[in-house]
Amino acid sequence: MAIYTVHRFDPVNERDEAETVFVKEAFAWPAFFFTGLWAFWNRMWLAGVVLIAVQLALNVGLTALGVDPVVRGIVLFGYLVIVGFFANDWRRRTLRSKGYAFEGVVSGETRETAARRYYDHAR
């Protein structure tokens, strides 16, 4: 069973609508495989640029230092593992900075069942 944190945005003006976001409490495989693209997909523009820049800097820096390709691969793999572990925490922090309020924690087999459980108990 997966655990999700629930974040809700309540707009100040009437033109915008309320939005609820569920963030999984687990390793972020999409962030591991698609580092910068994952950040851009989640509208984390600065984080996406930083993630891509760090990955490029590691690759170029290690190549310029003449590091063995196997070692370079291990270092880059370690970087991707770190990104995967911290990605959802960065997403939560970004949501908080955009005005989303932490509503609680909910669990479910899938995101849909967790959302249904949340909305059933939120009434």
Protein backbone atom coordinates (compact mmCIF):
# COMPACT_ATOMS: atom_id res chain seq x y z
CA MET A 1 0.00 0.00 0.00
CA ALA A 2 1.36 3.40 -0.99
CA ILE A 3 1.37 6.48 1.22
CA TYR A 4 0.65 9.94 -0.19
CA THR A 5 0.85 13.41 1.31
CA VAL A 6 -2.06 15.67 0.43
CA HIS A 7 -1.53 19.33 -0.46
CA ARG A 8 -4.42 21.71 -1.16
CA PHE A 9 -4.43 25.11 -2.81
CA ASP A 10 -7.28 27.42 -1.85
CA PRO A 11 -7.29 30.45 -4.17
CA VAL A 12 -7.85 33.96 -2.89
CA ASN A 13 -9.89 35.11 -5.86
CA GLU A 14 -12.96 33.41 -7.30
CA ARG A 15 -11.55 32.99 -10.83
CA ASP A 16 -9.11 30.29 -9.79
CA GLU A 17 -10.33 26.93 -8.61
CA ALA A 18 -9.14 24.87 -5.66
CA GLU A 19 -6.63 22.15 -6.44
CA THR A 20 -5.53 19.09 -4.49
CA VAL A 21 -2.20 17.40 -5.20
CA PHE A 22 -1.17 13.95 -3.97
CA VAL A 23 2.58 13.34 -3.66
CA LYS A 24 3.74 9.76 -3.19
CA GLU A 25 6.02 9.03 -0.26
CA ALA A 26 8.49 6.82 -2.09
CA PHE A 27 11.48 6.73 -4.40
CA ALA A 28 10.67 8.83 -7.50
CA TRP A 29 11.50 6.58 -10.44
CA PRO A 30 10.52 9.22 -13.04
CA ALA A 31 12.94 11.67 -11.40
CA PHE A 32 15.65 9.01 -11.45
CA PHE A 33 15.25 8.30 -15.18
CA PHE A 34 14.19 11.74 -16.48
CA THR A 35 15.78 14.09 -13.93
CA GLY A 36 15.29 17.55 -15.46
CA LEU A 37 12.24 16.62 -17.52
CA TRP A 38 10.54 15.30 -14.39
CA ALA A 39 11.10 18.66 -12.68
CA PHE A 40 9.79 20.59 -15.68
CA TRP A 41 6.73 18.30 -15.87
CA ASN A 42 5.97 19.16 -12.23
CA ARG A 43 6.47 22.89 -12.93
CA MET A 44 9.65 23.07 -10.88
CA TRP A 45 11.51 25.28 -13.36
CA LEU A 46 14.48 26.33 -11.24
CA ALA A 47 14.96 22.82 -9.86
CA GLY A 48 14.90 21.42 -13.40
CA VAL A 49 17.59 23.80 -14.57
CA VAL A 50 19.72 23.10 -11.49
CA LEU A 51 19.35 19.32 -11.83
CA ILE A 52 20.38 19.38 -15.49
CA ALA A 53 23.26 21.79 -14.79
CA VAL A 54 24.61 19.61 -11.97
CA GLN A 55 24.39 16.49 -14.11
CA LEU A 56 26.19 18.19 -16.99
CA ALA A 57 28.81 19.68 -14.67
CA LEU A 58 29.50 16.29 -13.13
CA ASN A 59 29.82 14.64 -16.52
CA VAL A 60 31.99 17.36 -18.08
CA GLY A 61 34.08 17.84 -14.94
CA LEU A 62 34.82 14.17 -14.50
CA THR A 63 35.63 13.81 -18.19
CA ALA A 64 37.97 16.82 -18.05
CA LEU A 65 39.74 15.32 -15.06
CA GLY A 66 40.31 12.14 -17.04
CA VAL A 67 38.31 9.96 -14.68
CA ASP A 68 37.78 6.39 -15.86
CA PRO A 69 34.37 5.95 -17.63
CA VAL A 70 33.34 3.26 -15.13
CA VAL A 71 33.98 5.56 -12.17
CA ARG A 72 32.23 8.41 -13.98
CA GLY A 73 29.22 6.13 -14.51
CA ILE A 74 29.17 5.17 -10.84
CA VAL A 75 29.29 8.82 -9.76
CA LEU A 76 26.48 9.79 -12.15
CA PHE A 77 24.44 6.78 -11.04
CA GLY A 78 24.90 7.88 -7.42
CA TYR A 79 23.73 11.37 -8.36
CA LEU A 80 20.58 9.93 -9.97
CA VAL A 81 19.90 7.79 -6.90
CA ILE A 82 20.12 10.87 -4.68
CA VAL A 83 17.74 12.74 -7.00
CA GLY A 84 15.28 9.82 -6.88
CA PHE A 85 15.30 9.75 -3.08
CA PHE A 86 14.86 13.50 -2.60
CA ALA A 87 12.67 14.40 -5.59
CA ASN A 88 9.28 14.12 -3.88
CA ASP A 89 10.57 16.12 -0.90
CA TRP A 90 11.63 18.87 -3.30
CA ARG A 91 8.19 18.71 -4.89
CA ARG A 92 6.50 19.12 -1.50
CA ARG A 93 8.72 22.11 -0.71
CA THR A 94 7.86 23.68 -4.07
CA LEU A 95 4.14 23.18 -3.48
CA ARG A 96 4.45 24.81 -0.06
CA SER A 97 6.24 27.81 -1.58
CA LYS A 98 3.45 28.17 -4.15
CA GLY A 99 0.83 28.45 -1.42
CA TYR A 100 -0.34 24.85 -1.08
CA ALA A 101 -1.23 23.82 2.45
CA PHE A 102 -0.38 20.39 3.83
CA GLU A 103 -3.68 18.61 4.50
CA GLY A 104 -2.55 15.25 5.76
CA VAL A 105 -1.44 11.76 4.83
CA VAL A 106 -3.52 9.12 3.08
CA SER A 107 -2.81 5.61 1.86
CA GLY A 108 -4.16 3.43 -0.91
CA GLU A 109 -3.23 0.76 -3.43
CA THR A 110 -3.15 3.40 -6.18
CA ARG A 111 -3.29 7.19 -6.31
CA GLU A 112 -6.98 6.98 -7.26
CA THR A 113 -7.92 4.83 -4.27
CA ALA A 114 -5.95 7.14 -1.97
CA ALA A 115 -7.74 10.16 -3.45
CA ARG A 116 -11.12 8.45 -3.04
CA ARG A 117 -10.28 7.64 0.60
CA TYR A 118 -9.20 11.25 1.20
CA TYR A 119 -12.34 12.76 -0.33
CA ASP A 120 -14.60 10.31 1.50
CA HIS A 121 -13.15 11.36 4.86
CA ALA A 122 -12.79 15.07 4.02
CA ARG A 123 -16.52 15.71 4.07
